[in-house]
Amino acid sequence: MEKLRNLRKKRGFTQEYMSNILSTDVSNYYRKESGDVRIYDDEWEKLAKALEVPVEEIKEDKPTAVIHNSHDNTTFNDNSGSYFNQYYNVPSSIVENLQDYIKVLKEQNEALKEELQKLKSQS
């Protein structure tokens, strides 16, 4: 969100100051400003008011990723006899966040498996 970042810096505001305007922590504001987390319309309003500009001057929409949900060589019955083929528009930031979360969960799962094996071997 270059427009937001540039204007914030031009005004001499810190990310901490801006995070207080949104009643969030600095790390969450950083993710919003970098485009990793969505900025909602009410938040755009608060940020624009703090920066003393119209929302249109700072608001940028991040492009969305298209996820195609189909299975090769597989037919799904959706009660109409047609193939199950759906397209979803999901913001790429959500996809990235979910992929990161899946990675963390896999790591935690492996650690728990190791801990379980240690406990089993002690019994």
PDB file of N, CA and C in Angstrom:
ATOM      1  N   MET A   1       0.834  -1.167   0.000  1.00  0.00           N
ATOM      2  CA  MET A   1       0.000   0.000   0.000  1.00  0.00           C
ATOM      3  C   MET A   1       0.888   1.243   0.000  1.00  0.00           C
ATOM      4  N   GLU A   2       1.482   1.444  -1.145  1.00  0.00           N
ATOM      5  CA  GLU A   2       2.471   2.513  -1.301  1.00  0.00           C
ATOM      6  C   GLU A   2       1.926   3.901  -0.993  1.00  0.00           C
ATOM      7  N   LYS A   3       0.709   4.185  -1.452  1.00  0.00           N
ATOM      8  CA  LYS A   3       0.147   5.517  -1.226  1.00  0.00           C
ATOM      9  C   LYS A   3       0.041   5.805   0.270  1.00  0.00           C
ATOM     10  N   LEU A   4      -0.469   4.831   1.008  1.00  0.00           N
ATOM     11  CA  LEU A   4      -0.624   4.982   2.452  1.00  0.00           C
ATOM     12  C   LEU A   4       0.740   5.151   3.125  1.00  0.00           C
ATOM     13  N   ARG A   5       1.672   4.282   2.797  1.00  0.00           N
ATOM     14  CA  ARG A   5       3.006   4.328   3.403  1.00  0.00           C
ATOM     15  C   ARG A   5       3.697   5.656   3.111  1.00  0.00           C
ATOM     16  N   ASN A   6       3.653   6.078   1.851  1.00  0.00           N
ATOM     17  CA  ASN A   6       4.329   7.324   1.467  1.00  0.00           C
ATOM     18  C   ASN A   6       3.742   8.536   2.172  1.00  0.00           C
ATOM     19  N   LEU A   7       2.413   8.601   2.237  1.00  0.00           N
ATOM     20  CA  LEU A   7       1.778   9.750   2.889  1.00  0.00           C
ATOM     21  C   LEU A   7       2.035   9.729   4.397  1.00  0.00           C
ATOM     22  N   ARG A   8       2.002   8.533   4.988  1.00  0.00           N
ATOM     23  CA  ARG A   8       2.287   8.430   6.427  1.00  0.00           C
ATOM     24  C   ARG A   8       3.685   8.975   6.725  1.00  0.00           C
ATOM     25  N   LYS A   9       4.653   8.555   5.915  1.00  0.00           N
ATOM     26  CA  LYS A   9       6.027   9.021   6.113  1.00  0.00           C
ATOM     27  C   LYS A   9       6.145  10.523   5.865  1.00  0.00           C
ATOM     28  N   LYS A  10       5.461  10.997   4.831  1.00  0.00           N
ATOM     29  CA  LYS A  10       5.487  12.418   4.504  1.00  0.00           C
ATOM     30  C   LYS A  10       4.954  13.247   5.665  1.00  0.00           C
ATOM     31  N   ARG A  11       3.922  12.739   6.329  1.00  0.00           N
ATOM     32  CA  ARG A  11       3.331  13.438   7.478  1.00  0.00           C
ATOM     33  C   ARG A  11       4.174  13.272   8.748  1.00  0.00           C
ATOM     34  N   GLY A  12       5.145  12.376   8.694  1.00  0.00           N
ATOM     35  CA  GLY A  12       6.000  12.148   9.856  1.00  0.00           C
ATOM     36  C   GLY A  12       5.366  11.259  10.919  1.00  0.00           C
ATOM     37  N   PHE A  13       4.355  10.464  10.517  1.00  0.00           N
ATOM     38  CA  PHE A  13       3.693   9.575  11.455  1.00  0.00           C
ATOM     39  C   PHE A  13       4.394   8.222  11.489  1.00  0.00           C
ATOM     40  N   THR A  14       4.479   7.635  12.656  1.00  0.00           N
ATOM     41  CA  THR A  14       5.070   6.307  12.799  1.00  0.00           C
ATOM     42  C   THR A  14       3.995   5.245  12.596  1.00  0.00           C
ATOM     43  N   GLN A  15       4.441   4.021  12.369  1.00  0.00           N
ATOM     44  CA  GLN A  15       3.484   2.916  12.279  1.00  0.00           C
ATOM     45  C   GLN A  15       2.786   2.727  13.629  1.00  0.00           C
ATOM     46  N   GLU A  16       3.478   2.990  14.697  1.00  0.00           N
ATOM     47  CA  GLU A  16       2.867   2.873  16.011  1.00  0.00           C
ATOM     48  C   GLU A  16       1.710   3.868  16.159  1.00  0.00           C
ATOM     49  N   TYR A  17       1.928   5.092  15.705  1.00  0.00           N
ATOM     50  CA  TYR A  17       0.883   6.107  15.767  1.00  0.00           C
ATOM     51  C   TYR A  17      -0.338   5.648  14.969  1.00  0.00           C
ATOM     52  N   MET A  18      -0.089   5.144  13.771  1.00  0.00           N
ATOM     53  CA  MET A  18      -1.179   4.699  12.912  1.00  0.00           C
ATOM     54  C   MET A  18      -1.884   3.478  13.494  1.00  0.00           C
ATOM     55  N   SER A  19      -1.124   2.597  14.125  1.00  0.00           N
ATOM     56  CA  SER A  19      -1.745   1.413  14.725  1.00  0.00           C
ATOM     57  C   SER A  19      -2.685   1.814  15.854  1.00  0.00           C
ATOM     58  N   ASN A  20      -2.335   2.868  16.579  1.00  0.00           N
ATOM     59  CA  ASN A  20      -3.210   3.357  17.649  1.00  0.00           C
ATOM     60  C   ASN A  20      -4.519   3.898  17.076  1.00  0.00           C
ATOM     61  N   ILE A  21      -4.467   4.496  15.908  1.00  0.00           N
ATOM     62  CA  ILE A  21      -5.676   5.014  15.260  1.00  0.00           C
ATOM     63  C   ILE A  21      -6.633   3.868  14.934  1.00  0.00           C
ATOM     64  N   LEU A  22      -6.062   2.728  14.552  1.00  0.00           N
ATOM     65  CA  LEU A  22      -6.887   1.566  14.211  1.00  0.00           C
ATOM     66  C   LEU A  22      -7.144   0.662  15.417  1.00  0.00           C
ATOM     67  N   SER A  23      -6.615   1.039  16.570  1.00  0.00           N
ATOM     68  CA  SER A  23      -6.754   0.222  17.786  1.00  0.00           C
ATOM     69  C   SER A  23      -6.250  -1.200  17.560  1.00  0.00           C
ATOM     70  N   THR A  24      -5.053  -1.288  16.999  1.00  0.00           N
ATOM     71  CA  THR A  24      -4.432  -2.579  16.756  1.00  0.00           C
ATOM     72  C   THR A  24      -2.969  -2.493  17.166  1.00  0.00           C
ATOM     73  N   ASP A  25      -2.263  -3.620  17.127  1.00  0.00           N
ATOM     74  CA  ASP A  25      -0.844  -3.574  17.473  1.00  0.00           C
ATOM     75  C   ASP A  25      -0.019  -3.201  16.238  1.00  0.00           C
ATOM     76  N   VAL A  26       1.218  -2.824  16.488  1.00  0.00           N
ATOM     77  CA  VAL A  26       2.086  -2.328  15.410  1.00  0.00           C
ATOM     78  C   VAL A  26       2.329  -3.402  14.353  1.00  0.00           C
ATOM     79  N   SER A  27       2.519  -4.646  14.784  1.00  0.00           N
ATOM     80  CA  SER A  27       2.803  -5.704  13.807  1.00  0.00           C
ATOM     81  C   SER A  27       1.617  -5.924  12.873  1.00  0.00           C
ATOM     82  N   ASN A  28       0.397  -5.834  13.399  1.00  0.00           N
ATOM     83  CA  ASN A  28      -0.780  -5.985  12.552  1.00  0.00           C
ATOM     84  C   ASN A  28      -0.898  -4.794  11.595  1.00  0.00           C
ATOM     85  N   TYR A  29      -0.610  -3.594  12.107  1.00  0.00           N
ATOM     86  CA  TYR A  29      -0.648  -2.425  11.215  1.00  0.00           C
ATOM     87  C   TYR A  29       0.395  -2.581  10.100  1.00  0.00           C
ATOM     88  N   TYR A  30       1.579  -3.046  10.445  1.00  0.00           N
ATOM     89  CA  TYR A  30       2.632  -3.259   9.449  1.00  0.00           C
ATOM     90  C   TYR A  30       2.130  -4.193   8.344  1.00  0.00           C
ATOM     91  N   ARG A  31       1.463  -5.283   8.748  1.00  0.00           N
ATOM     92  CA  ARG A  31       0.942  -6.231   7.754  1.00  0.00           C
ATOM     93  C   ARG A  31      -0.146  -5.586   6.895  1.00  0.00           C
ATOM     94  N   LYS A  32      -0.930  -4.716   7.492  1.00  0.00           N
ATOM     95  CA  LYS A  32      -1.955  -4.008   6.713  1.00  0.00           C
ATOM     96  C   LYS A  32      -1.293  -3.061   5.712  1.00  0.00           C
ATOM     97  N   GLU A  33      -0.324  -2.291   6.190  1.00  0.00           N
ATOM     98  CA  GLU A  33       0.337  -1.306   5.331  1.00  0.00           C
ATOM     99  C   GLU A  33       1.126  -1.988   4.216  1.00  0.00           C
ATOM    100  N   SER A  34       1.649  -3.175   4.487  1.00  0.00           N
ATOM    101  CA  SER A  34       2.421  -3.871   3.459  1.00  0.00           C
ATOM    102  C   SER A  34       1.538  -4.682   2.508  1.00  0.00           C
ATOM    103  N   GLY A  35       0.225  -4.721   2.807  1.00  0.00           N
ATOM    104  CA  GLY A  35      -0.697  -5.407   1.920  1.00  0.00           C
ATOM    105  C   GLY A  35      -0.899  -6.874   2.244  1.00  0.00           C
ATOM    106  N   ASP A  36      -0.318  -7.354   3.337  1.00  0.00           N
ATOM    107  CA  ASP A  36      -0.465  -8.756   3.709  1.00  0.00           C
ATOM    108  C   ASP A  36      -1.807  -9.034   4.378  1.00  0.00           C
ATOM    109  N   VAL A  37      -2.377  -8.012   5.008  1.00  0.00           N
ATOM    110  CA  VAL A  37      -3.659  -8.139   5.696  1.00  0.00           C
ATOM    111  C   VAL A  37      -4.585  -7.055   5.155  1.00  0.00           C
ATOM    112  N   ARG A  38      -5.829  -7.414   4.968  1.00  0.00           N
ATOM    113  CA  ARG A  38      -6.810  -6.483   4.395  1.00  0.00           C
ATOM    114  C   ARG A  38      -7.060  -5.289   5.314  1.00  0.00           C
ATOM    115  N   ILE A  39      -7.213  -4.127   4.688  1.00  0.00           N
ATOM    116  CA  ILE A  39      -7.652  -2.926   5.395  1.00  0.00           C
ATOM    117  C   ILE A  39      -9.123  -2.750   5.038  1.00  0.00           C
ATOM    118  N   TYR A  40      -9.980  -2.759   6.046  1.00  0.00           N
ATOM    119  CA  TYR A  40     -11.416  -2.647   5.824  1.00  0.00           C
ATOM    120  C   TYR A  40     -11.810  -1.194   5.602  1.00  0.00           C
ATOM    121  N   ASP A  41     -13.002  -1.004   5.012  1.00  0.00           N
ATOM    122  CA  ASP A  41     -13.457   0.335   4.654  1.00  0.00           C
ATOM    123  C   ASP A  41     -13.472   1.286   5.852  1.00  0.00           C
ATOM    124  N   ASP A  42     -13.924   0.812   7.008  1.00  0.00           N
ATOM    125  CA  ASP A  42     -13.952   1.689   8.178  1.00  0.00           C
ATOM    126  C   ASP A  42     -12.541   2.084   8.609  1.00  0.00           C
ATOM    127  N   GLU A  43     -11.586   1.178   8.395  1.00  0.00           N
ATOM    128  CA  GLU A  43     -10.187   1.496   8.719  1.00  0.00           C
ATOM    129  C   GLU A  43      -9.622   2.510   7.734  1.00  0.00           C
ATOM    130  N   TRP A  44      -9.970   2.356   6.446  1.00  0.00           N
ATOM    131  CA  TRP A  44      -9.538   3.342   5.453  1.00  0.00           C
ATOM    132  C   TRP A  44     -10.037   4.732   5.846  1.00  0.00           C
ATOM    133  N   GLU A  45     -11.280   4.798   6.337  1.00  0.00           N
ATOM    134  CA  GLU A  45     -11.864   6.076   6.768  1.00  0.00           C
ATOM    135  C   GLU A  45     -11.050   6.684   7.910  1.00  0.00           C
ATOM    136  N   LYS A  46     -10.711   5.875   8.896  1.00  0.00           N
ATOM    137  CA  LYS A  46      -9.944   6.367  10.048  1.00  0.00           C
ATOM    138  C   LYS A  46      -8.561   6.845   9.620  1.00  0.00           C
ATOM    139  N   LEU A  47      -7.912   6.070   8.740  1.00  0.00           N
ATOM    140  CA  LEU A  47      -6.568   6.428   8.284  1.00  0.00           C
ATOM    141  C   LEU A  47      -6.608   7.728   7.467  1.00  0.00           C
ATOM    142  N   ALA A  48      -7.594   7.837   6.595  1.00  0.00           N
ATOM    143  CA  ALA A  48      -7.726   9.049   5.770  1.00  0.00           C
ATOM    144  C   ALA A  48      -7.966  10.269   6.657  1.00  0.00           C
ATOM    145  N   LYS A  49      -8.798  10.106   7.676  1.00  0.00           N
ATOM    146  CA  LYS A  49      -9.081  11.223   8.579  1.00  0.00           C
ATOM    147  C   LYS A  49      -7.801  11.651   9.308  1.00  0.00           C
ATOM    148  N   ALA A  50      -7.028  10.676   9.782  1.00  0.00           N
ATOM    149  CA  ALA A  50      -5.785  10.986  10.486  1.00  0.00           C
ATOM    150  C   ALA A  50      -4.778  11.677   9.573  1.00  0.00           C
ATOM    151  N   LEU A  51      -4.772  11.268   8.300  1.00  0.00           N
ATOM    152  CA  LEU A  51      -3.832  11.844   7.335  1.00  0.00           C
ATOM    153  C   LEU A  51      -4.395  13.097   6.665  1.00  0.00           C
ATOM    154  N   GLU A  52      -5.640  13.423   6.994  1.00  0.00           N
ATOM    155  CA  GLU A  52      -6.321  14.601   6.471  1.00  0.00           C
ATOM    156  C   GLU A  52      -6.388  14.620   4.945  1.00  0.00           C
ATOM    157  N   VAL A  53      -6.822  13.466   4.392  1.00  0.00           N
ATOM    158  CA  VAL A  53      -6.997  13.339   2.947  1.00  0.00           C
ATOM    159  C   VAL A  53      -8.273  12.541   2.681  1.00  0.00           C
ATOM    160  N   PRO A  54      -8.810  12.635   1.471  1.00  0.00           N
ATOM    161  CA  PRO A  54      -9.940  11.763   1.127  1.00  0.00           C
ATOM    162  C   PRO A  54      -9.465  10.306   1.026  1.00  0.00           C
ATOM    163  N   VAL A  55     -10.346   9.394   1.323  1.00  0.00           N
ATOM    164  CA  VAL A  55     -10.005   7.968   1.268  1.00  0.00           C
ATOM    165  C   VAL A  55      -9.424   7.595  -0.090  1.00  0.00           C
ATOM    166  N   GLU A  56     -10.008   8.144  -1.150  1.00  0.00           N
ATOM    167  CA  GLU A  56      -9.571   7.804  -2.507  1.00  0.00           C
ATOM    168  C   GLU A  56      -8.091   8.128  -2.752  1.00  0.00           C
ATOM    169  N   GLU A  57      -7.552   9.040  -1.985  1.00  0.00           N
ATOM    170  CA  GLU A  57      -6.154   9.428  -2.171  1.00  0.00           C
ATOM    171  C   GLU A  57      -5.169   8.383  -1.638  1.00  0.00           C
ATOM    172  N   ILE A  58      -5.625   7.544  -0.725  1.00  0.00           N
ATOM    173  CA  ILE A  58      -4.710   6.555  -0.137  1.00  0.00           C
ATOM    174  C   ILE A  58      -5.128   5.116  -0.384  1.00  0.00           C
ATOM    175  N   LYS A  59      -6.409   4.876  -0.675  1.00  0.00           N
ATOM    176  CA  LYS A  59      -6.909   3.499  -0.783  1.00  0.00           C
ATOM    177  C   LYS A  59      -6.405   2.828  -2.041  1.00  0.00           C
ATOM    178  N   GLU A  60      -5.904   1.607  -1.848  1.00  0.00           N
ATOM    179  CA  GLU A  60      -5.472   0.766  -2.952  1.00  0.00           C
ATOM    180  C   GLU A  60      -6.060  -0.615  -2.721  1.00  0.00           C
ATOM    181  N   ASP A  61      -6.560  -1.206  -3.772  1.00  0.00           N
ATOM    182  CA  ASP A  61      -7.065  -2.563  -3.669  1.00  0.00           C
ATOM    183  C   ASP A  61      -5.997  -3.511  -4.156  1.00  0.00           C
ATOM    184  N   LYS A  62      -5.724  -4.525  -3.343  1.00  0.00           N
ATOM    185  CA  LYS A  62      -4.737  -5.520  -3.726  1.00  0.00           C
ATOM    186  C   LYS A  62      -5.400  -6.529  -4.657  1.00  0.00           C
ATOM    187  N   PRO A  63      -4.706  -6.933  -5.720  1.00  0.00           N
ATOM    188  CA  PRO A  63      -5.305  -7.908  -6.624  1.00  0.00           C
ATOM    189  C   PRO A  63      -5.564  -9.230  -5.906  1.00  0.00           C
ATOM    190  N   THR A  64      -6.545  -9.972  -6.418  1.00  0.00           N
ATOM    191  CA  THR A  64      -6.889 -11.240  -5.794  1.00  0.00           C
ATOM    192  C   THR A  64      -6.348 -12.396  -6.625  1.00  0.00           C
ATOM    193  N   ALA A  65      -6.096 -13.494  -5.941  1.00  0.00           N
ATOM    194  CA  ALA A  65      -5.662 -14.709  -6.617  1.00  0.00           C
ATOM    195  C   ALA A  65      -6.900 -15.529  -6.944  1.00  0.00           C
ATOM    196  N   VAL A  66      -6.880 -16.207  -8.065  1.00  0.00           N
ATOM    197  CA  VAL A  66      -7.992 -17.081  -8.418  1.00  0.00           C
ATOM    198  C   VAL A  66      -7.566 -18.504  -8.132  1.00  0.00           C
ATOM    199  N   ILE A  67      -8.376 -19.192  -7.352  1.00  0.00           N
ATOM    200  CA  ILE A  67      -8.089 -20.581  -7.013  1.00  0.00           C
ATOM    201  C   ILE A  67      -9.091 -21.445  -7.760  1.00  0.00           C
ATOM    202  N   HIS A  68      -8.580 -22.363  -8.514  1.00  0.00           N
ATOM    203  CA  HIS A  68      -9.430 -23.263  -9.267  1.00  0.00           C
ATOM    204  C   HIS A  68      -9.502 -24.563  -8.494  1.00  0.00           C
ATOM    205  N   ASN A  69     -10.692 -24.914  -8.081  1.00  0.00           N
ATOM    206  CA  ASN A  69     -10.892 -26.111  -7.280  1.00  0.00           C
ATOM    207  C   ASN A  69     -11.458 -27.204  -8.168  1.00  0.00           C
ATOM    208  N   SER A  70     -10.583 -28.016  -8.718  1.00  0.00           N
ATOM    209  CA  SER A  70     -11.044 -29.156  -9.511  1.00  0.00           C
ATOM    210  C   SER A  70     -10.058 -30.291  -9.294  1.00  0.00           C
ATOM    211  N   HIS A  71     -10.477 -31.460  -9.615  1.00  0.00           N
ATOM    212  CA  HIS A  71      -9.629 -32.635  -9.418  1.00  0.00           C
ATOM    213  C   HIS A  71      -9.470 -33.325 -10.765  1.00  0.00           C
ATOM    214  N   ASP A  72      -8.218 -33.497 -11.192  1.00  0.00           N
ATOM    215  CA  ASP A  72      -7.940 -34.108 -12.481  1.00  0.00           C
ATOM    216  C   ASP A  72      -8.505 -35.521 -12.530  1.00  0.00           C
ATOM    217  N   ASN A  73      -9.132 -35.864 -13.656  1.00  0.00           N
ATOM    218  CA  ASN A  73      -9.672 -37.193 -13.904  1.00  0.00           C
ATOM    219  C   ASN A  73     -10.645 -37.663 -12.836  1.00  0.00           C
ATOM    220  N   THR A  74     -11.274 -36.745 -12.120  1.00  0.00           N
ATOM    221  CA  THR A  74     -12.225 -37.123 -11.091  1.00  0.00           C
ATOM    222  C   THR A  74     -13.554 -36.437 -11.370  1.00  0.00           C
ATOM    223  N   THR A  75     -14.629 -37.194 -11.288  1.00  0.00           N
ATOM    224  CA  THR A  75     -15.957 -36.640 -11.492  1.00  0.00           C
ATOM    225  C   THR A  75     -16.660 -36.590 -10.144  1.00  0.00           C
ATOM    226  N   PHE A  76     -17.256 -35.450  -9.846  1.00  0.00           N
ATOM    227  CA  PHE A  76     -18.017 -35.294  -8.611  1.00  0.00           C
ATOM    228  C   PHE A  76     -19.474 -35.143  -8.978  1.00  0.00           C
ATOM    229  N   ASN A  77     -20.341 -35.773  -8.234  1.00  0.00           N
ATOM    230  CA  ASN A  77     -21.768 -35.646  -8.473  1.00  0.00           C
ATOM    231  C   ASN A  77     -22.306 -34.560  -7.572  1.00  0.00           C
ATOM    232  N   ASP A  78     -22.865 -33.516  -8.168  1.00  0.00           N
ATOM    233  CA  ASP A  78     -23.437 -32.420  -7.380  1.00  0.00           C
ATOM    234  C   ASP A  78     -24.958 -32.491  -7.432  1.00  0.00           C
ATOM    235  N   ASN A  79     -25.490 -33.709  -7.574  1.00  0.00           N
ATOM    236  CA  ASN A  79     -26.920 -33.989  -7.655  1.00  0.00           C
ATOM    237  C   ASN A  79     -27.549 -33.502  -8.956  1.00  0.00           C
ATOM    238  N   SER A  80     -26.755 -32.978  -9.872  1.00  0.00           N
ATOM    239  CA  SER A  80     -27.306 -32.603 -11.172  1.00  0.00           C
ATOM    240  C   SER A  80     -26.591 -33.366 -12.277  1.00  0.00           C
ATOM    241  N   GLY A  81     -25.654 -34.206 -11.887  1.00  0.00           N
ATOM    242  CA  GLY A  81     -24.935 -35.016 -12.857  1.00  0.00           C
ATOM    243  C   GLY A  81     -23.812 -34.278 -13.557  1.00  0.00           C
ATOM    244  N   SER A  82     -23.516 -33.049 -13.157  1.00  0.00           N
ATOM    245  CA  SER A  82     -22.460 -32.288 -13.826  1.00  0.00           C
ATOM    246  C   SER A  82     -21.144 -32.422 -13.064  1.00  0.00           C
ATOM    247  N   TYR A  83     -20.081 -31.963 -13.662  1.00  0.00           N
ATOM    248  CA  TYR A  83     -18.775 -31.977 -13.014  1.00  0.00           C
ATOM    249  C   TYR A  83     -18.710 -30.894 -11.958  1.00  0.00           C
ATOM    250  N   PHE A  84     -17.996 -31.172 -10.916  1.00  0.00           N
ATOM    251  CA  PHE A  84     -17.805 -30.215  -9.819  1.00  0.00           C
ATOM    252  C   PHE A  84     -16.602 -29.369 -10.166  1.00  0.00           C
ATOM    253  N   ASN A  85     -16.832 -28.131 -10.502  1.00  0.00           N
ATOM    254  CA  ASN A  85     -15.768 -27.222 -10.918  1.00  0.00           C
ATOM    255  C   ASN A  85     -16.117 -25.840 -10.382  1.00  0.00           C
ATOM    256  N   GLN A  86     -15.356 -25.332  -9.437  1.00  0.00           N
ATOM    257  CA  GLN A  86     -15.669 -24.036  -8.868  1.00  0.00           C
ATOM    258  C   GLN A  86     -14.445 -23.138  -8.913  1.00  0.00           C
ATOM    259  N   TYR A  87     -14.705 -21.858  -9.066  1.00  0.00           N
ATOM    260  CA  TYR A  87     -13.656 -20.855  -9.020  1.00  0.00           C
ATOM    261  C   TYR A  87     -13.950 -19.925  -7.853  1.00  0.00           C
ATOM    262  N   TYR A  88     -12.919 -19.603  -7.114  1.00  0.00           N
ATOM    263  CA  TYR A  88     -13.065 -18.706  -5.983  1.00  0.00           C
ATOM    264  C   TYR A  88     -12.094 -17.545  -6.149  1.00  0.00           C
ATOM    265  N   ASN A  89     -12.540 -16.327  -5.858  1.00  0.00           N
ATOM    266  CA  ASN A  89     -11.644 -15.187  -5.816  1.00  0.00           C
ATOM    267  C   ASN A  89     -11.258 -14.981  -4.357  1.00  0.00           C
ATOM    268  N   VAL A  90     -10.016 -15.285  -4.057  1.00  0.00           N
ATOM    269  CA  VAL A  90      -9.519 -15.173  -2.696  1.00  0.00           C
ATOM    270  C   VAL A  90      -8.330 -14.223  -2.722  1.00  0.00           C
ATOM    271  N   PRO A  91      -8.331 -13.212  -1.867  1.00  0.00           N
ATOM    272  CA  PRO A  91      -7.171 -12.313  -1.840  1.00  0.00           C
ATOM    273  C   PRO A  91      -5.887 -13.105  -1.611  1.00  0.00           C
ATOM    274  N   SER A  92      -4.861 -12.778  -2.367  1.00  0.00           N
ATOM    275  CA  SER A  92      -3.606 -13.515  -2.257  1.00  0.00           C
ATOM    276  C   SER A  92      -3.022 -13.418  -0.857  1.00  0.00           C
ATOM    277  N   SER A  93      -3.293 -12.330  -0.141  1.00  0.00           N
ATOM    278  CA  SER A  93      -2.789 -12.215   1.223  1.00  0.00           C
ATOM    279  C   SER A  93      -3.392 -13.285   2.124  1.00  0.00           C
ATOM    280  N   ILE A  94      -4.652 -13.630   1.896  1.00  0.00           N
ATOM    281  CA  ILE A  94      -5.288 -14.682   2.688  1.00  0.00           C
ATOM    282  C   ILE A  94      -4.666 -16.034   2.358  1.00  0.00           C
ATOM    283  N   VAL A  95      -4.447 -16.273   1.082  1.00  0.00           N
ATOM    284  CA  VAL A  95      -3.815 -17.528   0.667  1.00  0.00           C
ATOM    285  C   VAL A  95      -2.438 -17.652   1.315  1.00  0.00           C
ATOM    286  N   GLU A  96      -1.654 -16.587   1.264  1.00  0.00           N
ATOM    287  CA  GLU A  96      -0.311 -16.608   1.850  1.00  0.00           C
ATOM    288  C   GLU A  96      -0.378 -16.823   3.357  1.00  0.00           C
ATOM    289  N   ASN A  97      -1.298 -16.129   4.031  1.00  0.00           N
ATOM    290  CA  ASN A  97      -1.443 -16.295   5.477  1.00  0.00           C
ATOM    291  C   ASN A  97      -1.827 -17.721   5.825  1.00  0.00           C
ATOM    292  N   LEU A  98      -2.729 -18.308   5.057  1.00  0.00           N
ATOM    293  CA  LEU A  98      -3.138 -19.685   5.313  1.00  0.00           C
ATOM    294  C   LEU A  98      -1.996 -20.664   5.054  1.00  0.00           C
ATOM    295  N   GLN A  99      -1.216 -20.414   4.009  1.00  0.00           N
ATOM    296  CA  GLN A  99      -0.071 -21.277   3.738  1.00  0.00           C
ATOM    297  C   GLN A  99       0.945 -21.202   4.876  1.00  0.00           C
ATOM    298  N   ASP A 100       1.177 -20.012   5.392  1.00  0.00           N
ATOM    299  CA  ASP A 100       2.080 -19.853   6.532  1.00  0.00           C
ATOM    300  C   ASP A 100       1.535 -20.589   7.751  1.00  0.00           C
ATOM    301  N   TYR A 101       0.238 -20.465   7.978  1.00  0.00           N
ATOM    302  CA  TYR A 101      -0.397 -21.115   9.123  1.00  0.00           C
ATOM    303  C   TYR A 101      -0.313 -22.634   9.000  1.00  0.00           C
ATOM    304  N   ILE A 102      -0.529 -23.150   7.800  1.00  0.00           N
ATOM    305  CA  ILE A 102      -0.412 -24.591   7.567  1.00  0.00           C
ATOM    306  C   ILE A 102       1.005 -25.064   7.879  1.00  0.00           C
ATOM    307  N   LYS A 103       1.998 -24.287   7.468  1.00  0.00           N
ATOM    308  CA  LYS A 103       3.387 -24.641   7.737  1.00  0.00           C
ATOM    309  C   LYS A 103       3.642 -24.714   9.245  1.00  0.00           C
ATOM    310  N   VAL A 104       3.140 -23.721   9.983  1.00  0.00           N
ATOM    311  CA  VAL A 104       3.302 -23.705  11.439  1.00  0.00           C
ATOM    312  C   VAL A 104       2.619 -24.920  12.054  1.00  0.00           C
ATOM    313  N   LEU A 105       1.421 -25.233  11.598  1.00  0.00           N
ATOM    314  CA  LEU A 105       0.691 -26.384  12.134  1.00  0.00           C
ATOM    315  C   LEU A 105       1.427 -27.690  11.852  1.00  0.00           C
ATOM    316  N   LYS A 106       2.003 -27.818  10.669  1.00  0.00           N
ATOM    317  CA  LYS A 106       2.768 -29.022  10.346  1.00  0.00           C
ATOM    318  C   LYS A 106       3.978 -29.163  11.260  1.00  0.00           C
ATOM    319  N   GLU A 107       4.664 -28.043  11.509  1.00  0.00           N
ATOM    320  CA  GLU A 107       5.822 -28.073  12.406  1.00  0.00           C
ATOM    321  C   GLU A 107       5.405 -28.469  13.817  1.00  0.00           C
ATOM    322  N   GLN A 108       4.283 -27.889  14.285  1.00  0.00           N
ATOM    323  CA  GLN A 108       3.796 -28.226  15.622  1.00  0.00           C
ATOM    324  C   GLN A 108       3.374 -29.686  15.689  1.00  0.00           C
ATOM    325  N   ASN A 109       2.766 -30.175  14.628  1.00  0.00           N
ATOM    326  CA  ASN A 109       2.342 -31.566  14.566  1.00  0.00           C
ATOM    327  C   ASN A 109       3.548 -32.502  14.669  1.00  0.00           C
ATOM    328  N   GLU A 110       4.607 -32.191  13.944  1.00  0.00           N
ATOM    329  CA  GLU A 110       5.821 -33.008  14.004  1.00  0.00           C
ATOM    330  C   GLU A 110       6.434 -32.997  15.400  1.00  0.00           C
ATOM    331  N   ALA A 111       6.463 -31.816  16.018  1.00  0.00           N
ATOM    332  CA  ALA A 111       7.012 -31.707  17.368  1.00  0.00           C
ATOM    333  C   ALA A 111       6.183 -32.541  18.347  1.00  0.00           C
ATOM    334  N   LEU A 112       4.871 -32.513  18.194  1.00  0.00           N
ATOM    335  CA  LEU A 112       4.002 -33.299  19.070  1.00  0.00           C
ATOM    336  C   LEU A 112       4.180 -34.797  18.838  1.00  0.00           C
ATOM    337  N   LYS A 113       4.378 -35.200  17.579  1.00  0.00           N
ATOM    338  CA  LYS A 113       4.633 -36.608  17.281  1.00  0.00           C
ATOM    339  C   LYS A 113       5.923 -37.079  17.964  1.00  0.00           C
ATOM    340  N   GLU A 114       6.959 -36.240  17.890  1.00  0.00           N
ATOM    341  CA  GLU A 114       8.227 -36.582  18.533  1.00  0.00           C
ATOM    342  C   GLU A 114       8.058 -36.699  20.047  1.00  0.00           C
ATOM    343  N   GLU A 115       7.319 -35.759  20.628  1.00  0.00           N
ATOM    344  CA  GLU A 115       7.078 -35.787  22.068  1.00  0.00           C
ATOM    345  C   GLU A 115       6.296 -37.035  22.461  1.00  0.00           C
ATOM    346  N   LEU A 116       5.328 -37.415  21.647  1.00  0.00           N
ATOM    347  CA  LEU A 116       4.536 -38.613  21.911  1.00  0.00           C
ATOM    348  C   LEU A 116       5.410 -39.855  21.852  1.00  0.00           C
ATOM    349  N   GLN A 117       6.295 -39.913  20.880  1.00  0.00           N
ATOM    350  CA  GLN A 117       7.199 -41.059  20.771  1.00  0.00           C
ATOM    351  C   GLN A 117       8.106 -41.171  22.003  1.00  0.00           C
ATOM    352  N   LYS A 118       8.605 -40.031  22.487  1.00  0.00           N
ATOM    353  CA  LYS A 118       9.449 -40.031  23.688  1.00  0.00           C
ATOM    354  C   LYS A 118       8.665 -40.541  24.879  1.00  0.00           C
ATOM    355  N   LEU A 119       7.427 -40.070  25.016  1.00  0.00           N
ATOM    356  CA  LEU A 119       6.595 -40.508  26.136  1.00  0.00           C
ATOM    357  C   LEU A 119       6.272 -42.000  26.051  1.00  0.00           C
ATOM    358  N   LYS A 120       6.017 -42.494  24.849  1.00  0.00           N
ATOM    359  CA  LYS A 120       5.733 -43.911  24.665  1.00  0.00           C
ATOM    360  C   LYS A 120       6.953 -44.765  25.004  1.00  0.00           C
ATOM    361  N   SER A 121       8.144 -44.282  24.644  1.00  0.00           N
ATOM    362  CA  SER A 121       9.364 -45.051  24.899  1.00  0.00           C
ATOM    363  C   SER A 121       9.715 -45.064  26.385  1.00  0.00           C
ATOM    364  N   GLN A 122       9.235 -44.095  27.138  1.00  0.00           N
ATOM    365  CA  GLN A 122       9.495 -44.029  28.582  1.00  0.00           C
ATOM    366  C   GLN A 122       8.566 -44.975  29.349  1.00  0.00           C
ATOM    367  N   SER A 123       7.464 -45.364  28.744  1.00  0.00           N
ATOM    368  CA  SER A 123       6.470 -46.194  29.450  1.00  0.00           C
ATOM    369  C   SER A 123       6.893 -47.635  29.562  1.00  0.00           C
TER     370      SER A 123
END
